[in-house]
Amino acid sequence: MEPKERILLKSNELFNRYGIRSVSMDDIATQLGMSKKTLYQYYVDKDELVNAVFDIILNTNKSQCLECSKKGENAIHEVFLSFDMMQEILTTMNPSVLFDMQKYHPSAYKKFQDFRNGFLYKLIRSNLERGIKEELYRSEIDTDILSKYRLFSVLLSFDPEVFPSNKTNLVYIEQQLLEHFLYGLATSKGEKLIQKYRNQRTKNLVR
């Protein structure tokens, strides 16, 4: 593995475990078994490193989201596939990461905002429109308003003022928010599918 790739992987691991602010360039160099001087040959400062790590995360998430859209049997199945993907991220992510990024690394946070307000917005709106066509979501919903509502409700679990708890609760909080959102959209036909995929997830978790 190339040194640059090793640095990115280790940095991502440490940021997820401890938060961005708590991890110094010294910590990263020590964990990699390299000198800080060597580390700075690849990344001029921590801000550049955070941006590089986040570029990889966003590109990976984008690919995974598009894959969920392709694999989804219907709009509701697509949402459950996306949640399974998000669950993997949430189980390793420190809730303070977004807050740290917003406060100390604004250029990386700007990338996140652009990703959220551009790619994710279009993805959610496309899912809502698909669900309406499939008669799984109510036809009278406003796709623009509810796409924006969903975007920002997902971030609630990361807000320490709203949920001042540790990361073990992230998945549960997001599951509650998702189910509330889906049931608010669903037709009777859609509700049956929500229940079907919920039961499938429960069975898979028990195994």
N, C-alpha and C. Protein backbone atom coordinates (compact mmCIF):
# COMPACT_ATOMS: atom_id res chain seq x y z
N MET A 1 0.84 -1.20 0.00
CA MET A 1 0.00 0.00 0.00
C MET A 1 0.88 1.25 0.00
N GLU A 2 0.53 2.20 -0.84
CA GLU A 2 1.30 3.45 -0.93
C GLU A 2 1.17 4.26 0.37
N PRO A 3 2.24 5.00 0.75
CA PRO A 3 2.20 5.78 1.99
C PRO A 3 1.00 6.74 2.06
N LYS A 4 0.67 7.37 0.94
CA LYS A 4 -0.45 8.32 0.93
C LYS A 4 -1.76 7.62 1.26
N GLU A 5 -1.93 6.41 0.72
CA GLU A 5 -3.14 5.64 0.99
C GLU A 5 -3.18 5.18 2.44
N ARG A 6 -2.04 4.77 2.97
CA ARG A 6 -1.96 4.36 4.37
C ARG A 6 -2.33 5.52 5.30
N ILE A 7 -1.85 6.71 4.96
CA ILE A 7 -2.15 7.89 5.77
C ILE A 7 -3.65 8.18 5.77
N LEU A 8 -4.27 8.11 4.62
CA LEU A 8 -5.70 8.39 4.52
C LEU A 8 -6.53 7.37 5.29
N LEU A 9 -6.19 6.10 5.17
CA LEU A 9 -6.93 5.05 5.86
C LEU A 9 -6.82 5.18 7.37
N LYS A 10 -5.59 5.40 7.84
CA LYS A 10 -5.38 5.53 9.29
C LYS A 10 -6.03 6.81 9.82
N SER A 11 -5.95 7.89 9.08
CA SER A 11 -6.56 9.15 9.51
C SER A 11 -8.07 9.00 9.62
N ASN A 12 -8.67 8.37 8.62
CA ASN A 12 -10.12 8.14 8.64
C ASN A 12 -10.51 7.30 9.85
N GLU A 13 -9.75 6.27 10.12
CA GLU A 13 -10.02 5.40 11.28
C GLU A 13 -9.96 6.18 12.58
N LEU A 14 -8.93 7.01 12.74
CA LEU A 14 -8.75 7.78 13.97
C LEU A 14 -9.82 8.88 14.11
N PHE A 15 -10.15 9.53 13.01
CA PHE A 15 -11.19 10.57 13.06
C PHE A 15 -12.53 9.97 13.48
N ASN A 16 -12.83 8.80 12.92
CA ASN A 16 -14.09 8.14 13.26
C ASN A 16 -14.13 7.69 14.72
N ARG A 17 -12.99 7.31 15.23
CA ARG A 17 -12.94 6.79 16.60
C ARG A 17 -12.96 7.92 17.63
N TYR A 18 -12.20 8.98 17.37
CA TYR A 18 -12.01 10.01 18.39
C TYR A 18 -12.59 11.38 18.03
N GLY A 19 -13.03 11.55 16.79
CA GLY A 19 -13.41 12.87 16.33
C GLY A 19 -12.21 13.54 15.68
N ILE A 20 -12.44 14.55 14.87
CA ILE A 20 -11.35 15.19 14.13
C ILE A 20 -10.47 16.05 15.04
N ARG A 21 -11.12 16.84 15.87
CA ARG A 21 -10.39 17.78 16.72
C ARG A 21 -9.41 17.08 17.66
N SER A 22 -9.80 15.90 18.15
CA SER A 22 -8.99 15.20 19.16
C SER A 22 -7.77 14.50 18.58
N VAL A 23 -7.68 14.41 17.26
CA VAL A 23 -6.56 13.70 16.62
C VAL A 23 -5.59 14.71 16.01
N SER A 24 -4.36 14.67 16.47
CA SER A 24 -3.33 15.59 15.96
C SER A 24 -2.51 14.91 14.86
N MET A 25 -1.74 15.70 14.14
CA MET A 25 -0.83 15.14 13.14
C MET A 25 0.21 14.25 13.81
N ASP A 26 0.60 14.60 15.04
CA ASP A 26 1.52 13.76 15.81
C ASP A 26 0.91 12.38 16.05
N ASP A 27 -0.38 12.37 16.43
CA ASP A 27 -1.07 11.10 16.68
C ASP A 27 -1.08 10.22 15.44
N ILE A 28 -1.37 10.84 14.31
CA ILE A 28 -1.44 10.08 13.05
C ILE A 28 -0.08 9.52 12.68
N ALA A 29 0.96 10.35 12.81
CA ALA A 29 2.32 9.89 12.49
C ALA A 29 2.73 8.74 13.40
N THR A 30 2.44 8.87 14.68
CA THR A 30 2.79 7.82 15.65
C THR A 30 2.07 6.51 15.31
N GLN A 31 0.78 6.60 15.01
CA GLN A 31 0.01 5.40 14.68
C GLN A 31 0.52 4.71 13.41
N LEU A 32 1.05 5.51 12.51
CA LEU A 32 1.57 4.96 11.25
C LEU A 32 3.02 4.50 11.37
N GLY A 33 3.66 4.86 12.48
CA GLY A 33 5.07 4.50 12.66
C GLY A 33 5.98 5.28 11.74
N MET A 34 5.60 6.53 11.45
CA MET A 34 6.44 7.39 10.61
C MET A 34 6.69 8.71 11.33
N SER A 35 7.65 9.45 10.88
CA SER A 35 7.94 10.74 11.50
C SER A 35 6.92 11.77 11.02
N LYS A 36 6.77 12.81 11.84
CA LYS A 36 5.84 13.88 11.44
C LYS A 36 6.36 14.58 10.18
N LYS A 37 7.67 14.64 10.05
CA LYS A 37 8.27 15.26 8.87
C LYS A 37 7.85 14.52 7.60
N THR A 38 7.86 13.19 7.67
CA THR A 38 7.44 12.38 6.52
C THR A 38 5.97 12.62 6.20
N LEU A 39 5.15 12.68 7.25
CA LEU A 39 3.71 12.92 7.07
C LEU A 39 3.47 14.24 6.34
N TYR A 40 4.23 15.27 6.74
CA TYR A 40 4.06 16.59 6.13
C TYR A 40 4.57 16.65 4.69
N GLN A 41 5.33 15.65 4.27
CA GLN A 41 5.75 15.59 2.87
C GLN A 41 4.56 15.26 1.96
N TYR A 42 3.58 14.58 2.53
CA TYR A 42 2.41 14.17 1.75
C TYR A 42 1.23 15.14 1.92
N TYR A 43 1.11 15.71 3.12
CA TYR A 43 0.02 16.65 3.40
C TYR A 43 0.59 17.84 4.18
N VAL A 44 0.42 19.03 3.62
CA VAL A 44 1.08 20.20 4.20
C VAL A 44 0.56 20.56 5.59
N ASP A 45 -0.73 20.22 5.85
CA ASP A 45 -1.29 20.47 7.18
C ASP A 45 -2.51 19.57 7.40
N LYS A 46 -3.05 19.65 8.58
CA LYS A 46 -4.19 18.80 8.93
C LYS A 46 -5.40 19.12 8.08
N ASP A 47 -5.60 20.39 7.72
CA ASP A 47 -6.75 20.78 6.92
C ASP A 47 -6.74 20.09 5.57
N GLU A 48 -5.59 20.03 4.95
CA GLU A 48 -5.47 19.35 3.65
C GLU A 48 -5.76 17.86 3.81
N LEU A 49 -5.29 17.28 4.91
CA LEU A 49 -5.52 15.85 5.17
C LEU A 49 -7.02 15.56 5.39
N VAL A 50 -7.67 16.41 6.17
CA VAL A 50 -9.11 16.24 6.42
C VAL A 50 -9.88 16.32 5.10
N ASN A 51 -9.52 17.26 4.25
CA ASN A 51 -10.17 17.40 2.95
C ASN A 51 -9.98 16.16 2.09
N ALA A 52 -8.77 15.61 2.11
CA ALA A 52 -8.48 14.42 1.31
C ALA A 52 -9.26 13.21 1.81
N VAL A 53 -9.33 13.06 3.12
CA VAL A 53 -10.10 11.96 3.71
C VAL A 53 -11.57 12.08 3.34
N PHE A 54 -12.07 13.30 3.43
CA PHE A 54 -13.50 13.50 3.18
C PHE A 54 -13.85 13.35 1.71
N ASP A 55 -12.93 13.67 0.81
CA ASP A 55 -13.16 13.44 -0.62
C ASP A 55 -13.43 11.96 -0.89
N ILE A 56 -12.64 11.10 -0.26
CA ILE A 56 -12.80 9.66 -0.44
C ILE A 56 -14.15 9.20 0.11
N ILE A 57 -14.50 9.71 1.30
CA ILE A 57 -15.77 9.33 1.93
C ILE A 57 -16.96 9.72 1.04
N LEU A 58 -16.94 10.94 0.53
CA LEU A 58 -18.04 11.41 -0.30
C LEU A 58 -18.16 10.63 -1.60
N ASN A 59 -17.02 10.35 -2.22
CA ASN A 59 -17.04 9.58 -3.48
C ASN A 59 -17.54 8.16 -3.25
N THR A 60 -17.12 7.57 -2.13
CA THR A 60 -17.57 6.22 -1.79
C THR A 60 -19.07 6.21 -1.53
N ASN A 61 -19.53 7.19 -0.74
CA ASN A 61 -20.96 7.27 -0.43
C ASN A 61 -21.81 7.48 -1.68
N LYS A 62 -21.29 8.30 -2.58
CA LYS A 62 -22.01 8.57 -3.82
C LYS A 62 -22.19 7.28 -4.63
N SER A 63 -21.13 6.50 -4.75
CA SER A 63 -21.19 5.23 -5.49
C SER A 63 -22.16 4.26 -4.83
N GLN A 64 -22.11 4.19 -3.50
CA GLN A 64 -22.98 3.27 -2.77
C GLN A 64 -24.45 3.67 -2.90
N CYS A 65 -24.72 4.95 -2.84
CA CYS A 65 -26.10 5.44 -2.98
C CYS A 65 -26.66 5.11 -4.36
N LEU A 66 -25.86 5.31 -5.39
CA LEU A 66 -26.30 5.01 -6.75
C LEU A 66 -26.55 3.52 -6.92
N GLU A 67 -25.73 2.72 -6.25
CA GLU A 67 -25.91 1.27 -6.30
C GLU A 67 -27.22 0.85 -5.64
N CYS A 68 -27.56 1.50 -4.52
CA CYS A 68 -28.83 1.22 -3.84
C CYS A 68 -30.02 1.56 -4.74
N SER A 69 -29.89 2.66 -5.48
CA SER A 69 -30.97 3.06 -6.39
C SER A 69 -31.18 2.02 -7.48
N LYS A 70 -30.08 1.48 -7.99
CA LYS A 70 -30.17 0.47 -9.06
C LYS A 70 -30.75 -0.84 -8.53
N LYS A 71 -30.34 -1.22 -7.33
CA LYS A 71 -30.74 -2.52 -6.79
C LYS A 71 -32.14 -2.53 -6.21
N GLY A 72 -32.66 -1.36 -5.87
CA GLY A 72 -33.97 -1.28 -5.21
C GLY A 72 -35.09 -1.84 -6.07
N GLU A 73 -35.84 -2.79 -5.52
CA GLU A 73 -36.98 -3.37 -6.25
C GLU A 73 -38.07 -2.33 -6.44
N ASN A 74 -38.14 -1.39 -5.52
CA ASN A 74 -39.12 -0.31 -5.55
C ASN A 74 -38.57 0.82 -4.68
N ALA A 75 -39.31 1.91 -4.58
CA ALA A 75 -38.82 3.08 -3.84
C ALA A 75 -38.55 2.77 -2.37
N ILE A 76 -39.41 2.00 -1.74
CA ILE A 76 -39.25 1.69 -0.32
C ILE A 76 -38.08 0.75 -0.09
N HIS A 77 -37.92 -0.23 -0.97
CA HIS A 77 -36.78 -1.14 -0.87
C HIS A 77 -35.48 -0.36 -1.03
N GLU A 78 -35.47 0.61 -1.94
CA GLU A 78 -34.29 1.46 -2.14
C GLU A 78 -33.92 2.19 -0.84
N VAL A 79 -34.92 2.69 -0.13
CA VAL A 79 -34.68 3.40 1.13
C VAL A 79 -34.08 2.45 2.17
N PHE A 80 -34.59 1.24 2.26
CA PHE A 80 -34.07 0.28 3.23
C PHE A 80 -32.64 -0.14 2.89
N LEU A 81 -32.34 -0.30 1.61
CA LEU A 81 -30.96 -0.61 1.20
C LEU A 81 -30.02 0.53 1.59
N SER A 82 -30.48 1.76 1.37
CA SER A 82 -29.68 2.93 1.74
C SER A 82 -29.45 2.99 3.24
N PHE A 83 -30.48 2.63 4.01
CA PHE A 83 -30.33 2.65 5.46
C PHE A 83 -29.33 1.59 5.93
N ASP A 84 -29.35 0.43 5.30
CA ASP A 84 -28.36 -0.61 5.64
C ASP A 84 -26.95 -0.09 5.41
N MET A 85 -26.77 0.62 4.29
CA MET A 85 -25.47 1.21 4.00
C MET A 85 -25.10 2.26 5.05
N MET A 86 -26.08 3.10 5.40
CA MET A 86 -25.83 4.15 6.39
C MET A 86 -25.53 3.55 7.76
N GLN A 87 -26.15 2.43 8.08
CA GLN A 87 -25.92 1.80 9.37
C GLN A 87 -24.46 1.40 9.53
N GLU A 88 -23.85 0.90 8.46
CA GLU A 88 -22.44 0.53 8.51
C GLU A 88 -21.57 1.74 8.82
N ILE A 89 -21.94 2.87 8.25
CA ILE A 89 -21.18 4.11 8.49
C ILE A 89 -21.38 4.59 9.92
N LEU A 90 -22.63 4.56 10.39
CA LEU A 90 -22.96 5.09 11.72
C LEU A 90 -22.32 4.29 12.85
N THR A 91 -22.14 2.98 12.63
CA THR A 91 -21.57 2.15 13.70
C THR A 91 -20.09 2.45 13.95
N THR A 92 -19.43 3.10 12.99
CA THR A 92 -18.01 3.42 13.17
C THR A 92 -17.74 4.92 13.28
N MET A 93 -18.76 5.72 13.05
CA MET A 93 -18.55 7.17 12.99
C MET A 93 -18.76 7.86 14.33
N ASN A 94 -17.82 8.69 14.71
CA ASN A 94 -17.96 9.49 15.92
C ASN A 94 -18.93 10.65 15.63
N PRO A 95 -19.94 10.84 16.47
CA PRO A 95 -20.93 11.90 16.21
C PRO A 95 -20.35 13.30 16.11
N SER A 96 -19.16 13.50 16.69
CA SER A 96 -18.58 14.85 16.69
C SER A 96 -17.90 15.22 15.38
N VAL A 97 -17.77 14.25 14.46
CA VAL A 97 -17.03 14.49 13.21
C VAL A 97 -17.58 15.68 12.43
N LEU A 98 -18.89 15.72 12.23
CA LEU A 98 -19.48 16.82 11.45
C LEU A 98 -19.34 18.16 12.16
N PHE A 99 -19.52 18.14 13.49
CA PHE A 99 -19.38 19.37 14.28
C PHE A 99 -17.94 19.88 14.20
N ASP A 100 -16.98 18.97 14.36
CA ASP A 100 -15.56 19.34 14.27
C ASP A 100 -15.23 19.92 12.90
N MET A 101 -15.76 19.28 11.88
CA MET A 101 -15.50 19.73 10.52
C MET A 101 -16.07 21.12 10.27
N GLN A 102 -17.30 21.33 10.75
CA GLN A 102 -17.96 22.63 10.56
C GLN A 102 -17.18 23.75 11.25
N LYS A 103 -16.67 23.46 12.44
CA LYS A 103 -16.02 24.49 13.25
C LYS A 103 -14.55 24.72 12.87
N TYR A 104 -13.84 23.63 12.55
CA TYR A 104 -12.39 23.75 12.37
C TYR A 104 -11.91 23.53 10.93
N HIS A 105 -12.75 22.95 10.07
CA HIS A 105 -12.33 22.67 8.70
C HIS A 105 -13.45 23.06 7.73
N PRO A 106 -13.71 24.36 7.61
CA PRO A 106 -14.84 24.85 6.82
C PRO A 106 -14.81 24.45 5.35
N SER A 107 -13.64 24.31 4.76
CA SER A 107 -13.59 23.93 3.34
C SER A 107 -14.09 22.50 3.15
N ALA A 108 -13.76 21.61 4.08
CA ALA A 108 -14.26 20.23 4.00
C ALA A 108 -15.76 20.21 4.27
N TYR A 109 -16.20 21.03 5.22
CA TYR A 109 -17.63 21.08 5.53
C TYR A 109 -18.43 21.63 4.35
N LYS A 110 -17.84 22.56 3.61
CA LYS A 110 -18.49 23.11 2.41
C LYS A 110 -18.71 22.00 1.38
N LYS A 111 -17.75 21.10 1.27
CA LYS A 111 -17.91 19.96 0.35
C LYS A 111 -19.10 19.09 0.79
N PHE A 112 -19.20 18.89 2.09
CA PHE A 112 -20.31 18.10 2.62
C PHE A 112 -21.64 18.79 2.31
N GLN A 113 -21.70 20.11 2.51
CA GLN A 113 -22.94 20.85 2.22
C GLN A 113 -23.33 20.76 0.75
N ASP A 114 -22.33 20.88 -0.13
CA ASP A 114 -22.59 20.78 -1.56
C ASP A 114 -23.10 19.38 -1.93
N PHE A 115 -22.50 18.37 -1.31
CA PHE A 115 -22.91 16.98 -1.53
C PHE A 115 -24.34 16.77 -1.05
N ARG A 116 -24.64 17.30 0.13
CA ARG A 116 -25.97 17.16 0.72
C ARG A 116 -27.03 17.89 -0.11
N ASN A 117 -26.76 19.15 -0.41
CA ASN A 117 -27.76 19.99 -1.08
C ASN A 117 -27.87 19.73 -2.58
N GLY A 118 -26.86 19.07 -3.14
CA GLY A 118 -26.89 18.73 -4.55
C GLY A 118 -27.24 17.28 -4.79
N PHE A 119 -26.26 16.41 -4.64
CA PHE A 119 -26.44 14.99 -4.94
C PHE A 119 -27.52 14.33 -4.08
N LEU A 120 -27.43 14.48 -2.75
CA LEU A 120 -28.39 13.81 -1.87
C LEU A 120 -29.81 14.33 -2.06
N TYR A 121 -29.93 15.64 -2.25
CA TYR A 121 -31.26 16.21 -2.48
C TYR A 121 -31.91 15.58 -3.72
N LYS A 122 -31.14 15.51 -4.81
CA LYS A 122 -31.68 14.94 -6.05
C LYS A 122 -32.02 13.46 -5.87
N LEU A 123 -31.20 12.76 -5.11
CA LEU A 123 -31.43 11.33 -4.88
C LEU A 123 -32.73 11.10 -4.11
N ILE A 124 -32.92 11.88 -3.04
CA ILE A 124 -34.13 11.73 -2.23
C ILE A 124 -35.36 12.13 -3.04
N ARG A 125 -35.26 13.23 -3.76
CA ARG A 125 -36.42 13.67 -4.56
C ARG A 125 -36.77 12.65 -5.63
N SER A 126 -35.75 12.06 -6.23
CA SER A 126 -35.99 11.02 -7.24
C SER A 126 -36.70 9.82 -6.62
N ASN A 127 -36.31 9.48 -5.39
CA ASN A 127 -36.97 8.36 -4.69
C ASN A 127 -38.44 8.68 -4.41
N LEU A 128 -38.71 9.91 -3.99
CA LEU A 128 -40.09 10.31 -3.72
C LEU A 128 -40.94 10.26 -4.99
N GLU A 129 -40.38 10.73 -6.08
CA GLU A 129 -41.12 10.71 -7.35
C GLU A 129 -41.35 9.28 -7.82
N ARG A 130 -40.36 8.43 -7.60
CA ARG A 130 -40.50 7.01 -7.94
C ARG A 130 -41.62 6.38 -7.11
N GLY A 131 -41.61 6.68 -5.81
CA GLY A 131 -42.62 6.11 -4.92
C GLY A 131 -44.04 6.54 -5.27
N ILE A 132 -44.18 7.77 -5.73
CA ILE A 132 -45.50 8.26 -6.15
C ILE A 132 -45.97 7.48 -7.39
N LYS A 133 -45.06 7.30 -8.36
CA LYS A 133 -45.40 6.57 -9.58
C LYS A 133 -45.79 5.12 -9.27
N GLU A 134 -45.11 4.55 -8.27
CA GLU A 134 -45.38 3.16 -7.90
C GLU A 134 -46.57 3.03 -6.94
N GLU A 135 -47.18 4.18 -6.63
CA GLU A 135 -48.33 4.26 -5.73
C GLU A 135 -48.01 3.75 -4.31
N LEU A 136 -46.75 3.95 -3.93
CA LEU A 136 -46.31 3.58 -2.58
C LEU A 136 -46.29 4.80 -1.66
N TYR A 137 -46.14 6.00 -2.27
CA TYR A 137 -46.19 7.26 -1.53
C TYR A 137 -47.43 8.03 -1.99
N ARG A 138 -47.96 8.83 -1.10
CA ARG A 138 -49.16 9.61 -1.42
C ARG A 138 -48.87 10.62 -2.54
N SER A 139 -49.78 10.72 -3.46
CA SER A 139 -49.57 11.56 -4.65
C SER A 139 -49.54 13.04 -4.33
N GLU A 140 -50.15 13.44 -3.20
CA GLU A 140 -50.24 14.88 -2.88
C GLU A 140 -49.03 15.44 -2.16
N ILE A 141 -48.03 14.61 -1.85
CA ILE A 141 -46.86 15.12 -1.12
C ILE A 141 -46.08 16.12 -1.97
N ASP A 142 -45.46 17.10 -1.31
CA ASP A 142 -44.60 18.07 -1.98
C ASP A 142 -43.17 17.52 -1.94
N THR A 143 -42.69 17.06 -3.09
CA THR A 143 -41.39 16.37 -3.12
C THR A 143 -40.22 17.29 -2.76
N ASP A 144 -40.33 18.57 -3.10
CA ASP A 144 -39.26 19.51 -2.78
C ASP A 144 -39.15 19.71 -1.26
N ILE A 145 -40.28 20.01 -0.62
CA ILE A 145 -40.29 20.26 0.82
C ILE A 145 -39.84 19.02 1.60
N LEU A 146 -40.37 17.87 1.23
CA LEU A 146 -40.06 16.65 1.99
C LEU A 146 -38.65 16.14 1.73
N SER A 147 -38.10 16.43 0.56
CA SER A 147 -36.69 16.08 0.30
C SER A 147 -35.79 16.88 1.22
N LYS A 148 -36.08 18.17 1.36
CA LYS A 148 -35.28 19.03 2.24
C LYS A 148 -35.48 18.64 3.70
N TYR A 149 -36.70 18.31 4.06
CA TYR A 149 -36.98 17.86 5.43
C TYR A 149 -36.17 16.61 5.77
N ARG A 150 -36.16 15.66 4.85
CA ARG A 150 -35.42 14.42 5.09
C ARG A 150 -33.92 14.68 5.21
N LEU A 151 -33.40 15.53 4.34
CA LEU A 151 -31.97 15.86 4.37
C LEU A 151 -31.53 16.35 5.74
N PHE A 152 -32.32 17.26 6.32
CA PHE A 152 -31.91 17.87 7.57
C PHE A 152 -32.29 17.04 8.79
N SER A 153 -33.33 16.21 8.65
CA SER A 153 -33.69 15.34 9.78
C SER A 153 -32.63 14.27 10.01
N VAL A 154 -31.98 13.83 8.93
CA VAL A 154 -30.91 12.83 9.06
C VAL A 154 -29.78 13.34 9.95
N LEU A 155 -29.55 14.65 9.92
CA LEU A 155 -28.44 15.23 10.68
C LEU A 155 -28.76 15.46 12.15
N LEU A 156 -30.01 15.29 12.53
CA LEU A 156 -30.41 15.53 13.92
C LEU A 156 -29.64 14.66 14.91
N SER A 157 -29.38 13.42 14.53
CA SER A 157 -28.72 12.50 15.46
C SER A 157 -27.29 12.94 15.77
N PHE A 158 -26.72 13.79 14.92
CA PHE A 158 -25.34 14.26 15.13
C PHE A 158 -25.28 15.55 15.95
N ASP A 159 -26.42 16.13 16.22
CA ASP A 159 -26.46 17.40 16.94
C ASP A 159 -26.42 17.13 18.44
N PRO A 160 -25.32 17.52 19.12
CA PRO A 160 -25.19 17.23 20.55
C PRO A 160 -26.20 17.97 21.42
N GLU A 161 -26.78 19.06 20.89
CA GLU A 161 -27.79 19.78 21.66
C GLU A 161 -29.13 19.05 21.64
N VAL A 162 -29.39 18.33 20.54
CA VAL A 162 -30.64 17.59 20.41
C VAL A 162 -30.51 16.21 21.05
N PHE A 163 -29.40 15.52 20.74
CA PHE A 163 -29.16 14.19 21.29
C PHE A 163 -27.77 14.14 21.92
N PRO A 164 -27.64 14.60 23.16
CA PRO A 164 -26.33 14.61 23.83
C PRO A 164 -25.95 13.22 24.35
N SER A 165 -25.78 12.29 23.41
CA SER A 165 -25.47 10.92 23.81
C SER A 165 -24.30 10.39 22.99
N ASN A 166 -23.90 9.17 23.29
CA ASN A 166 -22.75 8.62 22.57
C ASN A 166 -23.18 7.95 21.27
N LYS A 167 -22.19 7.50 20.50
CA LYS A 167 -22.46 7.02 19.14
C LYS A 167 -23.24 5.72 19.09
N THR A 168 -23.35 5.00 20.18
CA THR A 168 -24.09 3.73 20.16
C THR A 168 -25.58 3.96 19.89
N ASN A 169 -26.05 5.19 20.07
CA ASN A 169 -27.46 5.48 19.85
C ASN A 169 -27.77 5.99 18.44
N LEU A 170 -26.75 6.24 17.64
CA LEU A 170 -26.96 6.84 16.33
C LEU A 170 -27.87 6.00 15.44
N VAL A 171 -27.61 4.71 15.38
CA VAL A 171 -28.39 3.84 14.50
C VAL A 171 -29.85 3.81 14.94
N TYR A 172 -30.08 3.70 16.25
CA TYR A 172 -31.46 3.65 16.76
C TYR A 172 -32.20 4.95 16.46
N ILE A 173 -31.54 6.07 16.68
CA ILE A 173 -32.16 7.37 16.41
C ILE A 173 -32.52 7.49 14.93
N GLU A 174 -31.57 7.14 14.06
CA GLU A 174 -31.81 7.25 12.62
C GLU A 174 -32.92 6.30 12.17
N GLN A 175 -33.01 5.13 12.78
CA GLN A 175 -34.08 4.20 12.43
C GLN A 175 -35.45 4.77 12.79
N GLN A 176 -35.54 5.39 13.96
CA GLN A 176 -36.80 6.00 14.38
C GLN A 176 -37.20 7.14 13.43
N LEU A 177 -36.24 7.97 13.07
CA LEU A 177 -36.51 9.09 12.16
C LEU A 177 -36.95 8.60 10.79
N LEU A 178 -36.28 7.54 10.31
CA LEU A 178 -36.60 7.00 8.99
C LEU A 178 -38.02 6.42 8.96
N GLU A 179 -38.37 5.63 9.96
CA GLU A 179 -39.69 5.01 9.98
C GLU A 179 -40.80 6.05 10.08
N HIS A 180 -40.55 7.07 10.89
CA HIS A 180 -41.52 8.17 10.99
C HIS A 180 -41.72 8.83 9.63
N PHE A 181 -40.62 9.06 8.94
CA PHE A 181 -40.67 9.70 7.62
C PHE A 181 -41.42 8.83 6.61
N LEU A 182 -41.07 7.54 6.57
CA LEU A 182 -41.68 6.64 5.59
C LEU A 182 -43.18 6.47 5.81
N TYR A 183 -43.56 6.27 7.07
CA TYR A 183 -44.99 6.08 7.34
C TYR A 183 -45.79 7.34 7.03
N GLY A 184 -45.14 8.49 7.15
CA GLY A 184 -45.81 9.75 6.80
C GLY A 184 -46.05 9.89 5.31
N LEU A 185 -45.22 9.21 4.50
CA LEU A 185 -45.35 9.26 3.04
C LEU A 185 -46.28 8.21 2.48
N ALA A 186 -46.34 7.07 3.16
CA ALA A 186 -46.85 5.84 2.55
C ALA A 186 -48.37 5.79 2.33
N THR A 187 -48.72 5.14 1.25
CA THR A 187 -50.10 4.72 1.01
C THR A 187 -50.29 3.39 1.75
N SER A 188 -51.49 2.84 1.72
CA SER A 188 -51.71 1.54 2.38
C SER A 188 -50.85 0.46 1.73
N LYS A 189 -50.67 0.57 0.42
CA LYS A 189 -49.80 -0.36 -0.31
C LYS A 189 -48.35 -0.21 0.16
N GLY A 190 -47.94 1.04 0.35
CA GLY A 190 -46.58 1.32 0.81
C GLY A 190 -46.34 0.83 2.23
N GLU A 191 -47.35 0.98 3.10
CA GLU A 191 -47.23 0.54 4.49
C GLU A 191 -46.95 -0.95 4.58
N LYS A 192 -47.59 -1.72 3.71
CA LYS A 192 -47.36 -3.18 3.71
C LYS A 192 -45.91 -3.50 3.35
N LEU A 193 -45.35 -2.74 2.43
CA LEU A 193 -43.95 -2.98 2.04
C LEU A 193 -42.99 -2.53 3.15
N ILE A 194 -43.32 -1.44 3.81
CA ILE A 194 -42.48 -1.00 4.93
C ILE A 194 -42.40 -2.11 5.97
N GLN A 195 -43.57 -2.68 6.30
CA GLN A 195 -43.62 -3.75 7.29
C GLN A 195 -42.84 -4.98 6.81
N LYS A 196 -42.97 -5.28 5.54
CA LYS A 196 -42.25 -6.43 4.96
C LYS A 196 -40.73 -6.26 5.11
N TYR A 197 -40.22 -5.10 4.72
CA TYR A 197 -38.77 -4.89 4.77
C TYR A 197 -38.27 -4.73 6.21
N ARG A 198 -39.11 -4.19 7.07
CA ARG A 198 -38.76 -4.12 8.50
C ARG A 198 -38.60 -5.51 9.07
N ASN A 199 -39.53 -6.39 8.76
CA ASN A 199 -39.46 -7.77 9.25
C ASN A 199 -38.24 -8.50 8.72
N GLN A 200 -37.92 -8.25 7.45
CA GLN A 200 -36.73 -8.88 6.86
C GLN A 200 -35.47 -8.41 7.56
N ARG A 201 -35.39 -7.12 7.87
CA ARG A 201 -34.22 -6.58 8.56
C ARG A 201 -34.10 -7.19 9.95
N THR A 202 -35.21 -7.30 10.65
CA THR A 202 -35.21 -7.88 12.00
C THR A 202 -34.71 -9.31 11.98
N LYS A 203 -35.19 -10.09 11.00
CA LYS A 203 -34.74 -11.48 10.88
C LYS A 203 -33.24 -11.56 10.59
N ASN A 204 -32.76 -10.69 9.72
CA ASN A 204 -31.35 -10.69 9.37
C ASN A 204 -30.47 -10.31 10.55
N LEU A 205 -30.96 -9.37 11.39
CA LEU A 205 -30.21 -8.93 12.57
C LEU A 205 -30.15 -10.02 13.63
N VAL A 206 -31.21 -10.83 13.71
CA VAL A 206 -31.27 -11.90 14.70
C VAL A 206 -30.30 -13.02 14.35
N ARG A 207 -30.11 -13.25 13.06
CA ARG A 207 -29.23 -14.34 12.61
C ARG A 207 -27.79 -14.15 13.07
